[in-house]
All heavy atoms as atom14 arrays in JSON, in Angstrom:
{
  "sequence": "SGEVAHYTCPMHPAVKQAGPGQCPICGMDLTPVSRADVESGVI",
  "atom14_mask": [
    [1, 1, 1, 1, 1, 1, 0, 0, 0, 0, 0, 0, 0, 0],
    [1, 1, 1, 1, 0, 0, 0, 0, 0, 0, 0, 0, 0, 0],
    [1, 1, 1, 1, 1, 1, 1, 1, 1, 0, 0, 0, 0, 0],
    [1, 1, 1, 1, 1, 1, 1, 0, 0, 0, 0, 0, 0, 0],
    [1, 1, 1, 1, 1, 0, 0, 0, 0, 0, 0, 0, 0, 0],
    [1, 1, 1, 1, 1, 1, 1, 1, 1, 1, 0, 0, 0, 0],
    [1, 1, 1, 1, 1, 1, 1, 1, 1, 1, 1, 1, 0, 0],
    [1, 1, 1, 1, 1, 1, 1, 0, 0, 0, 0, 0, 0, 0],
    [1, 1, 1, 1, 1, 1, 0, 0, 0, 0, 0, 0, 0, 0],
    [1, 1, 1, 1, 1, 1, 1, 0, 0, 0, 0, 0, 0, 0],
    [1, 1, 1, 1, 1, 1, 1, 1, 0, 0, 0, 0, 0, 0],
    [1, 1, 1, 1, 1, 1, 1, 1, 1, 1, 0, 0, 0, 0],
    [1, 1, 1, 1, 1, 1, 1, 0, 0, 0, 0, 0, 0, 0],
    [1, 1, 1, 1, 1, 0, 0, 0, 0, 0, 0, 0, 0, 0],
    [1, 1, 1, 1, 1, 1, 1, 0, 0, 0, 0, 0, 0, 0],
    [1, 1, 1, 1, 1, 1, 1, 1, 1, 0, 0, 0, 0, 0],
    [1, 1, 1, 1, 1, 1, 1, 1, 1, 0, 0, 0, 0, 0],
    [1, 1, 1, 1, 1, 0, 0, 0, 0, 0, 0, 0, 0, 0],
    [1, 1, 1, 1, 0, 0, 0, 0, 0, 0, 0, 0, 0, 0],
    [1, 1, 1, 1, 1, 1, 1, 0, 0, 0, 0, 0, 0, 0],
    [1, 1, 1, 1, 0, 0, 0, 0, 0, 0, 0, 0, 0, 0],
    [1, 1, 1, 1, 1, 1, 1, 1, 1, 0, 0, 0, 0, 0],
    [1, 1, 1, 1, 1, 1, 0, 0, 0, 0, 0, 0, 0, 0],
    [1, 1, 1, 1, 1, 1, 1, 0, 0, 0, 0, 0, 0, 0],
    [1, 1, 1, 1, 1, 1, 1, 1, 0, 0, 0, 0, 0, 0],
    [1, 1, 1, 1, 1, 1, 0, 0, 0, 0, 0, 0, 0, 0],
    [1, 1, 1, 1, 0, 0, 0, 0, 0, 0, 0, 0, 0, 0],
    [1, 1, 1, 1, 1, 1, 1, 1, 0, 0, 0, 0, 0, 0],
    [1, 1, 1, 1, 1, 1, 1, 1, 0, 0, 0, 0, 0, 0],
    [1, 1, 1, 1, 1, 1, 1, 1, 0, 0, 0, 0, 0, 0],
    [1, 1, 1, 1, 1, 1, 1, 0, 0, 0, 0, 0, 0, 0],
    [1, 1, 1, 1, 1, 1, 1, 0, 0, 0, 0, 0, 0, 0],
    [1, 1, 1, 1, 1, 1, 1, 0, 0, 0, 0, 0, 0, 0],
    [1, 1, 1, 1, 1, 1, 0, 0, 0, 0, 0, 0, 0, 0],
    [1, 1, 1, 1, 1, 1, 1, 1, 1, 1, 1, 0, 0, 0],
    [1, 1, 1, 1, 1, 0, 0, 0, 0, 0, 0, 0, 0, 0],
    [1, 1, 1, 1, 1, 1, 1, 1, 0, 0, 0, 0, 0, 0],
    [1, 1, 1, 1, 1, 1, 1, 0, 0, 0, 0, 0, 0, 0],
    [1, 1, 1, 1, 1, 1, 1, 1, 1, 0, 0, 0, 0, 0],
    [1, 1, 1, 1, 1, 1, 0, 0, 0, 0, 0, 0, 0, 0],
    [1, 1, 1, 1, 0, 0, 0, 0, 0, 0, 0, 0, 0, 0],
    [1, 1, 1, 1, 1, 1, 1, 0, 0, 0, 0, 0, 0, 0],
    [1, 1, 1, 1, 1, 1, 1, 1, 0, 0, 0, 0, 0, 0]
  ],
  "atom14_positions": [
    [[0.88, -1.25, -0.04], [-0.04, -0.01, 0.04], [0.82, 1.28, 0.01], [2.05, 1.3, 0.35], [-0.88, -0.04, 1.27], [-0.13, -0.14, 2.39], [0.0, 0.0, 0.0], [0.0, 0.0, 0.0], [0.0, 0.0, 0.0], [0.0, 0.0, 0.0], [0.0, 0.0, 0.0], [0.0, 0.0, 0.0], [0.0, 0.0, 0.0], [0.0, 0.0, 0.0]],
    [[0.29, 2.3, -0.38], [1.08, 3.7, -0.41], [1.47, 3.98, -1.69], [1.32, 3.21, -2.8], [0.0, 0.0, 0.0], [0.0, 0.0, 0.0], [0.0, 0.0, 0.0], [0.0, 0.0, 0.0], [0.0, 0.0, 0.0], [0.0, 0.0, 0.0], [0.0, 0.0, 0.0], [0.0, 0.0, 0.0], [0.0, 0.0, 0.0], [0.0, 0.0, 0.0]],
    [[2.05, 5.17, -1.84], [2.54, 5.64, -3.11], [3.73, 4.91, -3.61], [4.52, 4.29, -2.77], [2.78, 7.1, -3.07], [3.76, 7.51, -1.89], [3.93, 9.0, -1.95], [4.0, 9.81, -2.93], [4.1, 9.6, -0.82], [0.0, 0.0, 0.0], [0.0, 0.0, 0.0], [0.0, 0.0, 0.0], [0.0, 0.0, 0.0], [0.0, 0.0, 0.0]],
    [[4.08, 5.05, -4.86], [5.26, 4.41, -5.44], [6.53, 5.16, -5.1], [6.61, 6.39, -5.22], [5.1, 4.23, -6.97], [6.42, 3.73, -7.62], [3.87, 3.42, -7.38], [0.0, 0.0, 0.0], [0.0, 0.0, 0.0], [0.0, 0.0, 0.0], [0.0, 0.0, 0.0], [0.0, 0.0, 0.0], [0.0, 0.0, 0.0], [0.0, 0.0, 0.0]],
    [[7.42, 4.37, -4.55], [8.69, 4.92, -4.17], [9.71, 5.04, -5.21], [10.36, 5.96, -5.49], [9.35, 4.18, -2.94], [0.0, 0.0, 0.0], [0.0, 0.0, 0.0], [0.0, 0.0, 0.0], [0.0, 0.0, 0.0], [0.0, 0.0, 0.0], [0.0, 0.0, 0.0], [0.0, 0.0, 0.0], [0.0, 0.0, 0.0], [0.0, 0.0, 0.0]],
    [[9.72, 4.0, -6.08], [10.68, 3.92, -7.24], [10.21, 2.63, -7.98], [9.44, 1.88, -7.62], [12.06, 3.72, -6.82], [12.42, 2.59, -5.96], [12.5, 2.68, -4.6], [12.74, 1.25, -6.42], [12.83, 1.46, -4.11], [12.94, 0.61, -5.14], [0.0, 0.0, 0.0], [0.0, 0.0, 0.0], [0.0, 0.0, 0.0], [0.0, 0.0, 0.0]],
    [[10.87, 2.49, -9.12], [10.67, 1.34, -10.08], [11.98, 0.56, -10.17], [12.99, 1.1, -10.3], [10.14, 1.79, -11.47], [8.8, 2.3, -11.54], [8.41, 3.61, -11.11], [7.73, 1.45, -11.95], [7.19, 4.07, -11.15], [6.49, 2.03, -12.02], [6.22, 3.23, -11.59], [4.84, 3.85, -11.59], [0.0, 0.0, 0.0], [0.0, 0.0, 0.0]],
    [[11.85, -0.74, -10.15], [13.06, -1.56, -10.07], [12.81, -2.79, -11.08], [11.69, -3.1, -11.45], [13.39, -1.96, -8.71], [14.64, -2.68, -8.77], [12.28, -2.91, -8.2], [0.0, 0.0, 0.0], [0.0, 0.0, 0.0], [0.0, 0.0, 0.0], [0.0, 0.0, 0.0], [0.0, 0.0, 0.0], [0.0, 0.0, 0.0], [0.0, 0.0, 0.0]],
    [[13.98, -3.47, -11.32], [14.0, -4.63, -12.19], [13.89, -5.92, -11.26], [14.81, -6.11, -10.45], [15.1, -4.65, -13.1], [15.21, -6.25, -14.14], [0.0, 0.0, 0.0], [0.0, 0.0, 0.0], [0.0, 0.0, 0.0], [0.0, 0.0, 0.0], [0.0, 0.0, 0.0], [0.0, 0.0, 0.0], [0.0, 0.0, 0.0], [0.0, 0.0, 0.0]],
    [[12.97, -6.91, -11.48], [13.0, -8.03, -10.6], [14.26, -8.82, -10.78], [14.6, -9.56, -9.86], [11.8, -8.85, -11.16], [10.94, -7.85, -11.81], [11.94, -6.76, -12.43], [0.0, 0.0, 0.0], [0.0, 0.0, 0.0], [0.0, 0.0, 0.0], [0.0, 0.0, 0.0], [0.0, 0.0, 0.0], [0.0, 0.0, 0.0], [0.0, 0.0, 0.0]],
    [[14.79, -8.63, -12.08], [16.1, -9.55, -12.16], [17.38, -8.9, -11.68], [18.42, -9.31, -11.35], [16.29, -9.93, -13.55], [15.37, -10.94, -14.09], [15.46, -12.49, -13.3], [17.08, -12.99, -13.91], [0.0, 0.0, 0.0], [0.0, 0.0, 0.0], [0.0, 0.0, 0.0], [0.0, 0.0, 0.0], [0.0, 0.0, 0.0], [0.0, 0.0, 0.0]],
    [[17.35, -7.45, -11.7], [18.46, -6.57, -11.21], [17.92, -5.57, -10.3], [17.71, -4.43, -10.6], [19.12, -5.95, -12.49], [19.49, -6.91, -13.49], [18.76, -7.37, -14.5], [20.71, -7.58, -13.66], [19.38, -8.3, -15.27], [20.56, -8.48, -14.75], [0.0, 0.0, 0.0], [0.0, 0.0, 0.0], [0.0, 0.0, 0.0], [0.0, 0.0, 0.0]],
    [[17.76, -6.0, -8.99], [17.29, -4.95, -8.04], [18.1, -3.71, -7.88], [17.59, -2.8, -7.24], [17.31, -5.75, -6.75], [17.37, -7.24, -7.12], [18.17, -7.21, -8.45], [0.0, 0.0, 0.0], [0.0, 0.0, 0.0], [0.0, 0.0, 0.0], [0.0, 0.0, 0.0], [0.0, 0.0, 0.0], [0.0, 0.0, 0.0], [0.0, 0.0, 0.0]],
    [[19.42, -3.7, -8.18], [20.21, -2.5, -8.16], [19.65, -1.45, -9.04], [20.01, -0.12, -8.86], [21.66, -2.75, -8.45], [0.0, 0.0, 0.0], [0.0, 0.0, 0.0], [0.0, 0.0, 0.0], [0.0, 0.0, 0.0], [0.0, 0.0, 0.0], [0.0, 0.0, 0.0], [0.0, 0.0, 0.0], [0.0, 0.0, 0.0], [0.0, 0.0, 0.0]],
    [[18.86, -1.72, -10.21], [18.38, -0.78, -11.1], [17.11, -0.11, -10.41], [16.25, -0.81, -10.2], [17.97, -1.38, -12.44], [17.39, -0.42, -13.23], [19.28, -1.97, -13.01], [0.0, 0.0, 0.0], [0.0, 0.0, 0.0], [0.0, 0.0, 0.0], [0.0, 0.0, 0.0], [0.0, 0.0, 0.0], [0.0, 0.0, 0.0], [0.0, 0.0, 0.0]],
    [[17.18, 1.11, -10.18], [16.08, 1.9, -9.57], [15.89, 3.19, -10.35], [16.8, 3.94, -10.65], [16.3, 2.16, -8.14], [16.39, 0.88, -7.28], [16.57, 1.3, -5.74], [16.72, 0.06, -5.01], [16.92, 0.38, -3.5], [0.0, 0.0, 0.0], [0.0, 0.0, 0.0], [0.0, 0.0, 0.0], [0.0, 0.0, 0.0], [0.0, 0.0, 0.0]],
    [[14.64, 3.53, -10.85], [14.21, 4.72, -11.56], [13.09, 5.3, -10.94], [12.33, 4.69, -10.19], [13.98, 4.37, -13.01], [15.13, 3.9, -13.7], [14.84, 3.61, -15.18], [15.66, 3.13, -15.93], [13.59, 3.89, -15.64], [0.0, 0.0, 0.0], [0.0, 0.0, 0.0], [0.0, 0.0, 0.0], [0.0, 0.0, 0.0], [0.0, 0.0, 0.0]],
    [[12.92, 6.64, -11.18], [11.76, 7.42, -10.51], [10.37, 7.01, -11.31], [9.43, 7.12, -10.7], [11.95, 8.82, -10.61], [0.0, 0.0, 0.0], [0.0, 0.0, 0.0], [0.0, 0.0, 0.0], [0.0, 0.0, 0.0], [0.0, 0.0, 0.0], [0.0, 0.0, 0.0], [0.0, 0.0, 0.0], [0.0, 0.0, 0.0], [0.0, 0.0, 0.0]],
    [[10.57, 6.66, -12.6], [9.33, 6.34, -13.28], [9.34, 5.03, -13.9], [10.41, 4.31, -14.01], [0.0, 0.0, 0.0], [0.0, 0.0, 0.0], [0.0, 0.0, 0.0], [0.0, 0.0, 0.0], [0.0, 0.0, 0.0], [0.0, 0.0, 0.0], [0.0, 0.0, 0.0], [0.0, 0.0, 0.0], [0.0, 0.0, 0.0], [0.0, 0.0, 0.0]],
    [[8.24, 4.54, -14.59], [8.22, 3.39, -15.33], [9.19, 3.32, -16.6], [9.58, 4.4, -17.06], [6.84, 3.11, -15.73], [6.23, 4.48, -15.85], [6.94, 5.31, -14.77], [0.0, 0.0, 0.0], [0.0, 0.0, 0.0], [0.0, 0.0, 0.0], [0.0, 0.0, 0.0], [0.0, 0.0, 0.0], [0.0, 0.0, 0.0], [0.0, 0.0, 0.0]],
    [[9.5, 2.18, -16.99], [10.43, 2.06, -18.28], [10.89, 0.65, -18.23], [10.31, -0.34, -17.69], [0.0, 0.0, 0.0], [0.0, 0.0, 0.0], [0.0, 0.0, 0.0], [0.0, 0.0, 0.0], [0.0, 0.0, 0.0], [0.0, 0.0, 0.0], [0.0, 0.0, 0.0], [0.0, 0.0, 0.0], [0.0, 0.0, 0.0], [0.0, 0.0, 0.0]],
    [[12.02, 0.37, -18.96], [12.72, -0.89, -19.15], [14.09, -1.0, -18.52], [14.68, 0.1, -18.42], [12.69, -1.38, -20.63], [11.39, -1.44, -21.28], [11.6, -1.97, -22.63], [12.46, -1.58, -23.34], [10.52, -2.7, -23.18], [0.0, 0.0, 0.0], [0.0, 0.0, 0.0], [0.0, 0.0, 0.0], [0.0, 0.0, 0.0], [0.0, 0.0, 0.0]],
    [[14.38, -2.12, -18.03], [15.72, -2.28, -17.47], [16.81, -2.02, -18.44], [16.79, -2.73, -19.47], [15.85, -3.72, -16.81], [17.42, -4.18, -16.16], [0.0, 0.0, 0.0], [0.0, 0.0, 0.0], [0.0, 0.0, 0.0], [0.0, 0.0, 0.0], [0.0, 0.0, 0.0], [0.0, 0.0, 0.0], [0.0, 0.0, 0.0], [0.0, 0.0, 0.0]],
    [[17.8, -1.38, -18.16], [18.92, -1.13, -19.12], [19.88, -2.19, -19.3], [20.68, -2.23, -20.24], [19.62, 0.23, -18.51], [19.36, 0.06, -17.01], [17.89, -0.42, -16.99], [0.0, 0.0, 0.0], [0.0, 0.0, 0.0], [0.0, 0.0, 0.0], [0.0, 0.0, 0.0], [0.0, 0.0, 0.0], [0.0, 0.0, 0.0], [0.0, 0.0, 0.0]],
    [[19.6, -3.21, -18.48], [20.59, -4.43, -18.51], [19.88, -5.46, -19.28], [20.58, -6.04, -20.28], [20.85, -4.91, -16.97], [21.53, -3.8, -16.26], [21.74, -6.12, -17.15], [21.79, -4.25, -14.84], [0.0, 0.0, 0.0], [0.0, 0.0, 0.0], [0.0, 0.0, 0.0], [0.0, 0.0, 0.0], [0.0, 0.0, 0.0], [0.0, 0.0, 0.0]],
    [[18.69, -5.84, -18.95], [17.98, -7.06, -19.67], [16.83, -6.63, -20.38], [16.19, -7.48, -21.22], [17.55, -8.08, -18.5], [16.32, -7.42, -17.45], [0.0, 0.0, 0.0], [0.0, 0.0, 0.0], [0.0, 0.0, 0.0], [0.0, 0.0, 0.0], [0.0, 0.0, 0.0], [0.0, 0.0, 0.0], [0.0, 0.0, 0.0], [0.0, 0.0, 0.0]],
    [[16.36, -5.34, -20.31], [15.2, -4.92, -21.11], [13.94, -5.29, -20.65], [12.81, -5.0, -21.21], [0.0, 0.0, 0.0], [0.0, 0.0, 0.0], [0.0, 0.0, 0.0], [0.0, 0.0, 0.0], [0.0, 0.0, 0.0], [0.0, 0.0, 0.0], [0.0, 0.0, 0.0], [0.0, 0.0, 0.0], [0.0, 0.0, 0.0], [0.0, 0.0, 0.0]],
    [[13.75, -5.89, -19.41], [12.48, -6.16, -18.82], [11.71, -4.94, -18.31], [12.36, -3.97, -18.09], [12.68, -7.15, -17.68], [13.06, -8.63, -18.04], [13.37, -9.53, -16.55], [11.83, -9.37, -15.74], [0.0, 0.0, 0.0], [0.0, 0.0, 0.0], [0.0, 0.0, 0.0], [0.0, 0.0, 0.0], [0.0, 0.0, 0.0], [0.0, 0.0, 0.0]],
    [[10.48, -5.0, -18.3], [9.59, -3.82, -17.72], [9.91, -3.83, -16.17], [9.98, -4.78, -15.46], [8.09, -4.1, -18.01], [7.83, -4.07, -19.43], [8.48, -3.28, -20.21], [6.82, -4.62, -19.9], [0.0, 0.0, 0.0], [0.0, 0.0, 0.0], [0.0, 0.0, 0.0], [0.0, 0.0, 0.0], [0.0, 0.0, 0.0], [0.0, 0.0, 0.0]],
    [[10.15, -2.51, -15.88], [10.42, -2.25, -14.44], [9.09, -2.41, -13.59], [7.95, -2.13, -14.21], [10.94, -0.92, -14.32], [12.31, -0.59, -14.91], [12.8, 0.8, -14.58], [13.3, -1.63, -14.57], [0.0, 0.0, 0.0], [0.0, 0.0, 0.0], [0.0, 0.0, 0.0], [0.0, 0.0, 0.0], [0.0, 0.0, 0.0], [0.0, 0.0, 0.0]],
    [[9.13, -2.8, -12.43], [8.03, -3.03, -11.52], [8.02, -2.02, -10.46], [9.0, -1.5, -9.92], [7.95, -4.43, -10.84], [9.24, -4.59, -10.15], [7.87, -5.47, -12.03], [0.0, 0.0, 0.0], [0.0, 0.0, 0.0], [0.0, 0.0, 0.0], [0.0, 0.0, 0.0], [0.0, 0.0, 0.0], [0.0, 0.0, 0.0], [0.0, 0.0, 0.0]],
    [[6.85, -1.52, -9.99], [6.91, -0.42, -9.03], [7.06, -0.86, -7.64], [6.55, -2.09, -7.37], [5.45, 0.29, -9.22], [4.59, -0.84, -9.73], [5.48, -1.65, -10.62], [0.0, 0.0, 0.0], [0.0, 0.0, 0.0], [0.0, 0.0, 0.0], [0.0, 0.0, 0.0], [0.0, 0.0, 0.0], [0.0, 0.0, 0.0], [0.0, 0.0, 0.0]],
    [[7.66, -0.24, -6.68], [7.87, -0.62, -5.35], [7.27, 0.62, -4.43], [7.62, 1.63, -4.66], [9.3, -0.88, -4.98], [9.4, -1.17, -3.6], [9.92, -1.9, -5.93], [0.0, 0.0, 0.0], [0.0, 0.0, 0.0], [0.0, 0.0, 0.0], [0.0, 0.0, 0.0], [0.0, 0.0, 0.0], [0.0, 0.0, 0.0], [0.0, 0.0, 0.0]],
    [[6.32, 0.14, -3.53], [5.76, 1.2, -2.69], [6.62, 1.63, -1.61], [7.57, 0.95, -1.16], [4.35, 0.68, -2.09], [4.73, -0.34, -1.24], [0.0, 0.0, 0.0], [0.0, 0.0, 0.0], [0.0, 0.0, 0.0], [0.0, 0.0, 0.0], [0.0, 0.0, 0.0], [0.0, 0.0, 0.0], [0.0, 0.0, 0.0], [0.0, 0.0, 0.0]],
    [[6.38, 2.75, -1.03], [7.12, 3.18, 0.06], [6.97, 2.35, 1.31], [7.89, 2.22, 2.13], [6.68, 4.76, 0.53], [7.08, 5.69, -0.71], [6.94, 7.08, -0.18], [7.18, 8.02, -1.31], [8.36, 8.34, -1.59], [9.48, 7.92, -1.03], [8.57, 9.19, -2.6], [0.0, 0.0, 0.0], [0.0, 0.0, 0.0], [0.0, 0.0, 0.0]],
    [[5.79, 1.67, 1.46], [5.66, 0.87, 2.57], [6.5, -0.4, 2.46], [7.09, -0.85, 3.4], [4.14, 0.29, 2.58], [0.0, 0.0, 0.0], [0.0, 0.0, 0.0], [0.0, 0.0, 0.0], [0.0, 0.0, 0.0], [0.0, 0.0, 0.0], [0.0, 0.0, 0.0], [0.0, 0.0, 0.0], [0.0, 0.0, 0.0], [0.0, 0.0, 0.0]],
    [[6.66, -0.8, 1.2], [7.68, -1.96, 1.02], [9.12, -1.51, 1.33], [9.93, -2.29, 1.85], [7.46, -2.55, -0.37], [6.37, -3.44, -0.56], [5.58, -3.75, 0.44], [5.91, -3.72, -1.64], [0.0, 0.0, 0.0], [0.0, 0.0, 0.0], [0.0, 0.0, 0.0], [0.0, 0.0, 0.0], [0.0, 0.0, 0.0], [0.0, 0.0, 0.0]],
    [[9.43, -0.42, 0.89], [10.84, 0.05, 1.09], [11.09, 0.2, 2.69], [12.13, -0.31, 3.15], [11.03, 1.44, 0.48], [12.34, 2.0, 0.85], [10.88, 1.21, -0.99], [0.0, 0.0, 0.0], [0.0, 0.0, 0.0], [0.0, 0.0, 0.0], [0.0, 0.0, 0.0], [0.0, 0.0, 0.0], [0.0, 0.0, 0.0], [0.0, 0.0, 0.0]],
    [[10.07, 0.77, 3.4], [10.19, 0.96, 4.88], [10.31, -0.37, 5.57], [10.98, -0.61, 6.58], [9.18, 1.75, 5.34], [9.26, 3.28, 4.86], [8.07, 4.13, 5.28], [7.13, 3.38, 6.03], [7.89, 5.31, 5.0], [0.0, 0.0, 0.0], [0.0, 0.0, 0.0], [0.0, 0.0, 0.0], [0.0, 0.0, 0.0], [0.0, 0.0, 0.0]],
    [[9.58, -1.35, 5.15], [9.66, -2.78, 5.71], [10.65, -3.66, 5.26], [10.86, -4.75, 5.83], [8.18, -3.4, 5.59], [7.99, -3.63, 4.22], [0.0, 0.0, 0.0], [0.0, 0.0, 0.0], [0.0, 0.0, 0.0], [0.0, 0.0, 0.0], [0.0, 0.0, 0.0], [0.0, 0.0, 0.0], [0.0, 0.0, 0.0], [0.0, 0.0, 0.0]],
    [[11.41, -3.15, 4.27], [12.66, -4.0, 3.8], [12.14, -5.15, 2.77], [12.97, -5.9, 2.41], [0.0, 0.0, 0.0], [0.0, 0.0, 0.0], [0.0, 0.0, 0.0], [0.0, 0.0, 0.0], [0.0, 0.0, 0.0], [0.0, 0.0, 0.0], [0.0, 0.0, 0.0], [0.0, 0.0, 0.0], [0.0, 0.0, 0.0], [0.0, 0.0, 0.0]],
    [[10.89, -5.03, 2.24], [10.4, -6.06, 1.21], [11.25, -5.93, 0.04], [11.42, -4.79, -0.45], [8.92, -5.99, 1.04], [8.41, -6.71, -0.04], [8.08, -6.17, 2.33], [0.0, 0.0, 0.0], [0.0, 0.0, 0.0], [0.0, 0.0, 0.0], [0.0, 0.0, 0.0], [0.0, 0.0, 0.0], [0.0, 0.0, 0.0], [0.0, 0.0, 0.0]],
    [[11.64, -7.1, -0.55], [12.2, -7.16, -1.75], [11.42, -8.06, -2.63], [10.7, -8.93, -2.22], [13.71, -7.64, -1.74], [13.81, -8.97, -1.21], [14.58, -6.64, -0.81], [15.15, -9.73, -1.13], [0.0, 0.0, 0.0], [0.0, 0.0, 0.0], [0.0, 0.0, 0.0], [0.0, 0.0, 0.0], [0.0, 0.0, 0.0], [0.0, 0.0, 0.0]]
  ]
}
């Protein structure tokens, strides 16, 4: 729940962007991560 904190790649968690797009490494669609997940440490 909550607003989107950033977008990341499921295969490359180090990739983080402010908006949607594709992973520069593998080309997969980035998935959104909520601020609640960031605060709780969910990966």
